[in-house]
Amino acid sequence: MRDDLPGTAVKLPGDALGLLETGSIAAGVRAADEVLKAARVVMVEACPVSPGKFLVVFTGGVAEVEASLEAGRRIAAAHVLDELLLARVHPDVAPALGGSDELPEPGPALGVVETLTVASAIVGADAAAKAARVRLWEIAPGRGIGGKGFFTMTGDVAAVESAAAAARAVIDERGYHLRTEILAGPHPELASRVGRRLLRRFGATGSREGEETG
């Protein structure tokens, strides 16, 4: 387990994080309603994501999130594509998921882990941050990228490699890993555009070939 690194002020209002990802928008909306009615939780996100899926993210105490997750799962039933319950979320997850603009300074290496679901990206990012001395930059929420998820992280080469391996292990258990790339010494222009910059306004060339680990 790594030592805690200085982070941003963005925090989840609860100890646990729950997520339901459904293949039906209508079922997702009803599941979100049941999540809120089942226990005292705070809704972080409830929105459609491409291609026609619905994402429900909520936080609260461990028991409350577990109860709400069960209620939402029961309502969405066969429409549930993926889910998660993280009882002790790493503090870097909230800024990376919540859209903080206070991005960490780039380290010597950049890691990008791509998954088939948003839940798997969050699980992988949490595992990566707990496994090695890296900083999470972004956890993409599946909008505009075909419903896939990805997360980016930075740190020393060895740390990013170790974190990527930890992420790959937990994502493989879910069967949703797509690809992992590790860039040792990324081009400065690319390094200045990762995180939300990569998703929102990436428009420059000059990236380097990375080490494929997937």
C-alpha atoms as a PDB file:
ATOM      1  CA  MET A   1       0.000   0.000   0.000  1.00  0.00           C
ATOM      2  CA  ARG A   2       1.347   3.424  -0.904  1.00  0.00           C
ATOM      3  CA  ASP A   3       1.609   6.369   1.474  1.00  0.00           C
ATOM      4  CA  ASP A   4      -1.024   9.045   0.941  1.00  0.00           C
ATOM      5  CA  LEU A   5       0.024  11.809  -1.410  1.00  0.00           C
ATOM      6  CA  PRO A   6      -1.226  15.387  -1.207  1.00  0.00           C
ATOM      7  CA  GLY A   7      -4.572  15.557  -3.047  1.00  0.00           C
ATOM      8  CA  THR A   8      -7.208  18.060  -3.971  1.00  0.00           C
ATOM      9  CA  ALA A   9     -10.016  19.245  -1.741  1.00  0.00           C
ATOM     10  CA  VAL A  10     -12.637  17.295  -3.722  1.00  0.00           C
ATOM     11  CA  LYS A  11     -14.022  14.469  -1.594  1.00  0.00           C
ATOM     12  CA  LEU A  12     -16.966  12.113  -1.641  1.00  0.00           C
ATOM     13  CA  PRO A  13     -19.504  12.881   1.094  1.00  0.00           C
ATOM     14  CA  GLY A  14     -19.570   9.221   2.189  1.00  0.00           C
ATOM     15  CA  ASP A  15     -17.229   6.341   2.985  1.00  0.00           C
ATOM     16  CA  ALA A  16     -18.433   4.079   0.190  1.00  0.00           C
ATOM     17  CA  LEU A  17     -19.189   4.431  -3.503  1.00  0.00           C
ATOM     18  CA  GLY A  18     -21.880   2.531  -5.389  1.00  0.00           C
ATOM     19  CA  LEU A  19     -22.566   2.363  -9.115  1.00  0.00           C
ATOM     20  CA  LEU A  20     -25.118   0.751 -11.388  1.00  0.00           C
ATOM     21  CA  GLU A  21     -24.680   0.730 -15.152  1.00  0.00           C
ATOM     22  CA  THR A  22     -27.788  -0.329 -17.077  1.00  0.00           C
ATOM     23  CA  GLY A  23     -28.488  -1.089 -20.710  1.00  0.00           C
ATOM     24  CA  SER A  24     -31.863   0.655 -20.545  1.00  0.00           C
ATOM     25  CA  ILE A  25     -32.303   4.367 -19.842  1.00  0.00           C
ATOM     26  CA  ALA A  26     -35.830   3.885 -18.489  1.00  0.00           C
ATOM     27  CA  ALA A  27     -34.718   1.070 -16.186  1.00  0.00           C
ATOM     28  CA  GLY A  28     -31.782   3.183 -15.061  1.00  0.00           C
ATOM     29  CA  VAL A  29     -34.008   6.121 -14.105  1.00  0.00           C
ATOM     30  CA  ARG A  30     -36.280   3.871 -12.060  1.00  0.00           C
ATOM     31  CA  ALA A  31     -33.265   2.198 -10.443  1.00  0.00           C
ATOM     32  CA  ALA A  32     -31.888   5.625  -9.475  1.00  0.00           C
ATOM     33  CA  ASP A  33     -35.191   6.448  -7.786  1.00  0.00           C
ATOM     34  CA  GLU A  34     -35.105   3.197  -5.818  1.00  0.00           C
ATOM     35  CA  VAL A  35     -31.468   3.814  -4.838  1.00  0.00           C
ATOM     36  CA  LEU A  36     -32.466   7.109  -3.212  1.00  0.00           C
ATOM     37  CA  LYS A  37     -35.547   5.657  -1.525  1.00  0.00           C
ATOM     38  CA  ALA A  38     -33.846   2.554  -0.142  1.00  0.00           C
ATOM     39  CA  ALA A  39     -31.323   4.233   2.182  1.00  0.00           C
ATOM     40  CA  ARG A  40     -29.714   7.516   3.138  1.00  0.00           C
ATOM     41  CA  VAL A  41     -27.302   8.009   0.240  1.00  0.00           C
ATOM     42  CA  VAL A  42     -26.201  10.985  -1.845  1.00  0.00           C
ATOM     43  CA  MET A  43     -26.561  10.828  -5.629  1.00  0.00           C
ATOM     44  CA  VAL A  44     -23.300  11.746  -7.370  1.00  0.00           C
ATOM     45  CA  GLU A  45     -24.495  11.154 -10.934  1.00  0.00           C
ATOM     46  CA  ALA A  46     -27.593   9.838 -12.685  1.00  0.00           C
ATOM     47  CA  CYS A  47     -27.407  10.308 -16.433  1.00  0.00           C
ATOM     48  CA  PRO A  48     -27.542   8.575 -19.826  1.00  0.00           C
ATOM     49  CA  VAL A  49     -24.221   7.626 -21.429  1.00  0.00           C
ATOM     50  CA  SER A  50     -23.540   6.331 -24.904  1.00  0.00           C
ATOM     51  CA  PRO A  51     -24.651   4.070 -26.470  1.00  0.00           C
ATOM     52  CA  GLY A  52     -28.049   4.301 -24.797  1.00  0.00           C
ATOM     53  CA  LYS A  53     -26.933   3.201 -21.335  1.00  0.00           C
ATOM     54  CA  PHE A  54     -27.683   4.806 -17.963  1.00  0.00           C
ATOM     55  CA  LEU A  55     -25.213   5.458 -15.155  1.00  0.00           C
ATOM     56  CA  VAL A  56     -26.162   5.764 -11.473  1.00  0.00           C
ATOM     57  CA  VAL A  57     -23.397   6.753  -9.029  1.00  0.00           C
ATOM     58  CA  PHE A  58     -24.042   7.328  -5.331  1.00  0.00           C
ATOM     59  CA  THR A  59     -22.201   7.551  -2.035  1.00  0.00           C
ATOM     60  CA  GLY A  60     -22.847   7.144   1.687  1.00  0.00           C
ATOM     61  CA  GLY A  61     -22.073   4.785   4.518  1.00  0.00           C
ATOM     62  CA  VAL A  62     -21.100   1.242   3.607  1.00  0.00           C
ATOM     63  CA  ALA A  63     -24.342  -0.334   4.848  1.00  0.00           C
ATOM     64  CA  GLU A  64     -26.468   2.344   3.192  1.00  0.00           C
ATOM     65  CA  VAL A  65     -24.710   2.053  -0.167  1.00  0.00           C
ATOM     66  CA  GLU A  66     -24.979  -1.725  -0.026  1.00  0.00           C
ATOM     67  CA  ALA A  67     -28.737  -1.510   0.659  1.00  0.00           C
ATOM     68  CA  SER A  68     -29.292   1.033  -2.120  1.00  0.00           C
ATOM     69  CA  LEU A  69     -27.246  -1.000  -4.571  1.00  0.00           C
ATOM     70  CA  GLU A  70     -29.335  -4.080  -3.833  1.00  0.00           C
ATOM     71  CA  ALA A  71     -32.550  -2.101  -4.329  1.00  0.00           C
ATOM     72  CA  GLY A  72     -31.394  -0.638  -7.630  1.00  0.00           C
ATOM     73  CA  ARG A  73     -30.138  -3.999  -8.851  1.00  0.00           C
ATOM     74  CA  ARG A  74     -33.447  -5.636  -8.012  1.00  0.00           C
ATOM     75  CA  ILE A  75     -35.406  -3.030  -9.992  1.00  0.00           C
ATOM     76  CA  ALA A  76     -33.089  -2.944 -13.030  1.00  0.00           C
ATOM     77  CA  ALA A  77     -32.820  -6.740 -13.018  1.00  0.00           C
ATOM     78  CA  ALA A  78     -31.725  -8.068 -16.410  1.00  0.00           C
ATOM     79  CA  HIS A  79     -30.847  -4.552 -17.601  1.00  0.00           C
ATOM     80  CA  VAL A  80     -27.837  -4.315 -15.240  1.00  0.00           C
ATOM     81  CA  LEU A  81     -24.630  -4.365 -17.292  1.00  0.00           C
ATOM     82  CA  ASP A  82     -22.140  -3.752 -14.493  1.00  0.00           C
ATOM     83  CA  GLU A  83     -22.039  -2.603 -10.884  1.00  0.00           C
ATOM     84  CA  LEU A  84     -19.640  -1.836  -8.082  1.00  0.00           C
ATOM     85  CA  LEU A  85     -19.443  -1.248  -4.363  1.00  0.00           C
ATOM     86  CA  LEU A  86     -16.211   0.257  -3.043  1.00  0.00           C
ATOM     87  CA  ALA A  87     -16.244   0.274   0.750  1.00  0.00           C
ATOM     88  CA  ARG A  88     -13.089   2.355   1.250  1.00  0.00           C
ATOM     89  CA  VAL A  89     -12.576   4.559  -1.778  1.00  0.00           C
ATOM     90  CA  HIS A  90      -9.089   5.952  -2.363  1.00  0.00           C
ATOM     91  CA  PRO A  91      -9.092   9.763  -1.958  1.00  0.00           C
ATOM     92  CA  ASP A  92      -7.782  10.273  -5.509  1.00  0.00           C
ATOM     93  CA  VAL A  93     -10.923   8.692  -7.014  1.00  0.00           C
ATOM     94  CA  ALA A  94     -13.277  11.590  -6.216  1.00  0.00           C
ATOM     95  CA  PRO A  95     -11.207  14.326  -7.912  1.00  0.00           C
ATOM     96  CA  ALA A  96     -10.561  12.087 -10.927  1.00  0.00           C
ATOM     97  CA  LEU A  97     -14.229  11.153 -11.261  1.00  0.00           C
ATOM     98  CA  GLY A  98     -15.760  14.420 -10.156  1.00  0.00           C
ATOM     99  CA  GLY A  99     -14.136  16.780 -12.638  1.00  0.00           C
ATOM    100  CA  SER A 100     -11.598  18.635 -10.504  1.00  0.00           C
ATOM    101  CA  ASP A 101      -9.454  21.022 -12.547  1.00  0.00           C
ATOM    102  CA  GLU A 102      -6.578  20.712 -10.059  1.00  0.00           C
ATOM    103  CA  LEU A 103      -4.671  18.102 -12.031  1.00  0.00           C
ATOM    104  CA  PRO A 104      -1.441  16.669 -10.569  1.00  0.00           C
ATOM    105  CA  GLU A 105       1.880  17.618 -12.111  1.00  0.00           C
ATOM    106  CA  PRO A 106       2.907  15.046 -14.745  1.00  0.00           C
ATOM    107  CA  GLY A 107       5.441  12.468 -13.651  1.00  0.00           C
ATOM    108  CA  PRO A 108       8.013  10.570 -15.731  1.00  0.00           C
ATOM    109  CA  ALA A 109       5.399   8.089 -16.992  1.00  0.00           C
ATOM    110  CA  LEU A 110       1.773   8.110 -18.111  1.00  0.00           C
ATOM    111  CA  GLY A 111      -0.592   5.156 -17.841  1.00  0.00           C
ATOM    112  CA  VAL A 112      -3.887   4.759 -19.715  1.00  0.00           C
ATOM    113  CA  VAL A 113      -6.205   1.878 -18.880  1.00  0.00           C
ATOM    114  CA  GLU A 114      -9.232   1.345 -21.126  1.00  0.00           C
ATOM    115  CA  THR A 115     -12.255  -0.740 -20.166  1.00  0.00           C
ATOM    116  CA  LEU A 116     -15.583  -1.767 -21.642  1.00  0.00           C
ATOM    117  CA  THR A 117     -17.631  -0.320 -18.759  1.00  0.00           C
ATOM    118  CA  VAL A 118     -17.436   2.715 -16.504  1.00  0.00           C
ATOM    119  CA  ALA A 119     -17.689   0.614 -13.338  1.00  0.00           C
ATOM    120  CA  SER A 120     -14.625  -1.379 -14.326  1.00  0.00           C
ATOM    121  CA  ALA A 121     -12.652   1.809 -14.926  1.00  0.00           C
ATOM    122  CA  ILE A 122     -13.490   3.061 -11.430  1.00  0.00           C
ATOM    123  CA  VAL A 123     -12.620  -0.282  -9.818  1.00  0.00           C
ATOM    124  CA  GLY A 124      -9.336  -0.369 -11.722  1.00  0.00           C
ATOM    125  CA  ALA A 125      -8.447   3.219 -10.840  1.00  0.00           C
ATOM    126  CA  ASP A 126      -9.110   2.597  -7.156  1.00  0.00           C
ATOM    127  CA  ALA A 127      -6.914  -0.510  -7.209  1.00  0.00           C
ATOM    128  CA  ALA A 128      -4.156   1.321  -9.088  1.00  0.00           C
ATOM    129  CA  ALA A 129      -4.078   4.237  -6.639  1.00  0.00           C
ATOM    130  CA  LYS A 130      -3.951   1.859  -3.665  1.00  0.00           C
ATOM    131  CA  ALA A 131      -1.230  -0.341  -5.155  1.00  0.00           C
ATOM    132  CA  ALA A 132       1.544   2.148  -5.950  1.00  0.00           C
ATOM    133  CA  ARG A 133       2.694   5.754  -5.609  1.00  0.00           C
ATOM    134  CA  VAL A 134       0.802   7.180  -8.568  1.00  0.00           C
ATOM    135  CA  ARG A 135      -1.689  10.020  -9.007  1.00  0.00           C
ATOM    136  CA  LEU A 136      -4.976   9.563 -10.852  1.00  0.00           C
ATOM    137  CA  TRP A 137      -5.680  12.223 -13.482  1.00  0.00           C
ATOM    138  CA  GLU A 138      -9.076  11.281 -14.821  1.00  0.00           C
ATOM    139  CA  ILE A 139     -11.700   8.570 -14.735  1.00  0.00           C
ATOM    140  CA  ALA A 140     -13.757   9.036 -17.906  1.00  0.00           C
ATOM    141  CA  PRO A 141     -17.514   8.595 -17.405  1.00  0.00           C
ATOM    142  CA  GLY A 142     -18.382   6.906 -20.713  1.00  0.00           C
ATOM    143  CA  ARG A 143     -19.851   9.939 -22.467  1.00  0.00           C
ATOM    144  CA  GLY A 144     -19.013  10.269 -26.146  1.00  0.00           C
ATOM    145  CA  ILE A 145     -16.740   7.215 -26.179  1.00  0.00           C
ATOM    146  CA  GLY A 146     -19.199   4.449 -26.916  1.00  0.00           C
ATOM    147  CA  GLY A 147     -19.986   3.781 -23.270  1.00  0.00           C
ATOM    148  CA  LYS A 148     -16.461   2.615 -22.540  1.00  0.00           C
ATOM    149  CA  GLY A 149     -14.421   3.812 -19.575  1.00  0.00           C
ATOM    150  CA  PHE A 150     -10.801   4.717 -19.121  1.00  0.00           C
ATOM    151  CA  PHE A 151      -8.562   6.252 -16.518  1.00  0.00           C
ATOM    152  CA  THR A 152      -5.206   7.985 -16.678  1.00  0.00           C
ATOM    153  CA  MET A 153      -2.475   8.117 -14.041  1.00  0.00           C
ATOM    154  CA  THR A 154       1.019   9.498 -13.664  1.00  0.00           C
ATOM    155  CA  GLY A 155       4.127   8.682 -11.634  1.00  0.00           C
ATOM    156  CA  ASP A 156       7.484   6.966 -11.917  1.00  0.00           C
ATOM    157  CA  VAL A 157       7.722   4.246 -14.557  1.00  0.00           C
ATOM    158  CA  ALA A 158       7.958   1.410 -12.030  1.00  0.00           C
ATOM    159  CA  ALA A 159       5.052   2.775 -10.000  1.00  0.00           C
ATOM    160  CA  VAL A 160       2.818   3.170 -13.055  1.00  0.00           C
ATOM    161  CA  GLU A 161       3.683  -0.351 -14.192  1.00  0.00           C
ATOM    162  CA  SER A 162       2.832  -1.742 -10.746  1.00  0.00           C
ATOM    163  CA  ALA A 163      -0.401   0.247 -10.560  1.00  0.00           C
ATOM    164  CA  ALA A 164      -1.410  -0.860 -14.061  1.00  0.00           C
ATOM    165  CA  ALA A 165      -0.841  -4.507 -13.137  1.00  0.00           C
ATOM    166  CA  ALA A 166      -3.039  -4.135 -10.051  1.00  0.00           C
ATOM    167  CA  ALA A 167      -5.762  -2.478 -12.112  1.00  0.00           C
ATOM    168  CA  ARG A 168      -5.553  -5.142 -14.803  1.00  0.00           C
ATOM    169  CA  ALA A 169      -5.958  -7.890 -12.203  1.00  0.00           C
ATOM    170  CA  VAL A 170      -9.232  -6.556 -10.786  1.00  0.00           C
ATOM    171  CA  ILE A 171     -10.628  -5.571 -14.196  1.00  0.00           C
ATOM    172  CA  ASP A 172      -9.828  -9.008 -15.636  1.00  0.00           C
ATOM    173  CA  GLU A 173     -11.930 -10.561 -12.867  1.00  0.00           C
ATOM    174  CA  ARG A 174     -14.893  -8.648 -14.298  1.00  0.00           C
ATOM    175  CA  GLY A 175     -13.990  -9.506 -17.915  1.00  0.00           C
ATOM    176  CA  TYR A 176     -14.025  -5.884 -19.118  1.00  0.00           C
ATOM    177  CA  HIS A 177     -10.383  -4.973 -19.745  1.00  0.00           C
ATOM    178  CA  LEU A 178      -9.775  -3.633 -23.249  1.00  0.00           C
ATOM    179  CA  ARG A 179      -6.256  -2.214 -23.414  1.00  0.00           C
ATOM    180  CA  THR A 180      -3.505  -0.727 -21.262  1.00  0.00           C
ATOM    181  CA  GLU A 181      -0.731   1.565 -22.446  1.00  0.00           C
ATOM    182  CA  ILE A 182       2.244   2.847 -20.460  1.00  0.00           C
ATOM    183  CA  LEU A 183       4.217   5.758 -21.884  1.00  0.00           C
ATOM    184  CA  ALA A 184       7.681   6.237 -20.412  1.00  0.00           C
ATOM    185  CA  GLY A 185       8.712   9.850 -20.972  1.00  0.00           C
ATOM    186  CA  PRO A 186       5.642  11.066 -22.904  1.00  0.00           C
ATOM    187  CA  HIS A 187       6.065  14.061 -25.197  1.00  0.00           C
ATOM    188  CA  PRO A 188       5.578  17.327 -23.233  1.00  0.00           C
ATOM    189  CA  GLU A 189       2.744  18.389 -25.532  1.00  0.00           C
ATOM    190  CA  LEU A 190       0.860  15.173 -24.806  1.00  0.00           C
ATOM    191  CA  ALA A 191       1.629  15.393 -21.092  1.00  0.00           C
ATOM    192  CA  SER A 192       0.062  18.856 -20.991  1.00  0.00           C
ATOM    193  CA  ARG A 193      -3.197  17.518 -22.475  1.00  0.00           C
ATOM    194  CA  VAL A 194      -3.919  14.339 -20.527  1.00  0.00           C
ATOM    195  CA  GLY A 195      -6.771  13.972 -18.088  1.00  0.00           C
ATOM    196  CA  ARG A 196      -9.850  15.952 -19.019  1.00  0.00           C
ATOM    197  CA  ARG A 197      -7.723  17.732 -21.605  1.00  0.00           C
ATOM    198  CA  LEU A 198      -7.278  14.429 -23.431  1.00  0.00           C
ATOM    199  CA  LEU A 199     -11.025  13.903 -23.607  1.00  0.00           C
ATOM    200  CA  ARG A 200     -12.206  17.487 -24.174  1.00  0.00           C
ATOM    201  CA  ARG A 201      -9.713  19.214 -26.417  1.00  0.00           C
ATOM    202  CA  PHE A 202      -7.034  16.816 -27.591  1.00  0.00           C
ATOM    203  CA  GLY A 203      -5.946  18.037 -30.990  1.00  0.00           C
ATOM    204  CA  ALA A 204      -2.178  17.810 -31.217  1.00  0.00           C
ATOM    205  CA  THR A 205       0.127  15.194 -32.613  1.00  0.00           C
ATOM    206  CA  GLY A 206       3.471  14.154 -31.250  1.00  0.00           C
ATOM    207  CA  SER A 207       2.591  11.294 -28.868  1.00  0.00           C
ATOM    208  CA  ARG A 208       5.139   8.557 -28.423  1.00  0.00           C
ATOM    209  CA  GLU A 209       4.703   4.841 -28.753  1.00  0.00           C
ATOM    210  CA  GLY A 210       3.915   3.358 -25.367  1.00  0.00           C
ATOM    211  CA  GLU A 211       4.511  -0.019 -23.847  1.00  0.00           C
ATOM    212  CA  GLU A 212       1.482  -2.217 -24.486  1.00  0.00           C
ATOM    213  CA  THR A 213       0.561  -4.350 -21.523  1.00  0.00           C
ATOM    214  CA  GLY A 214      -2.759  -5.607 -22.799  1.00  0.00           C
END
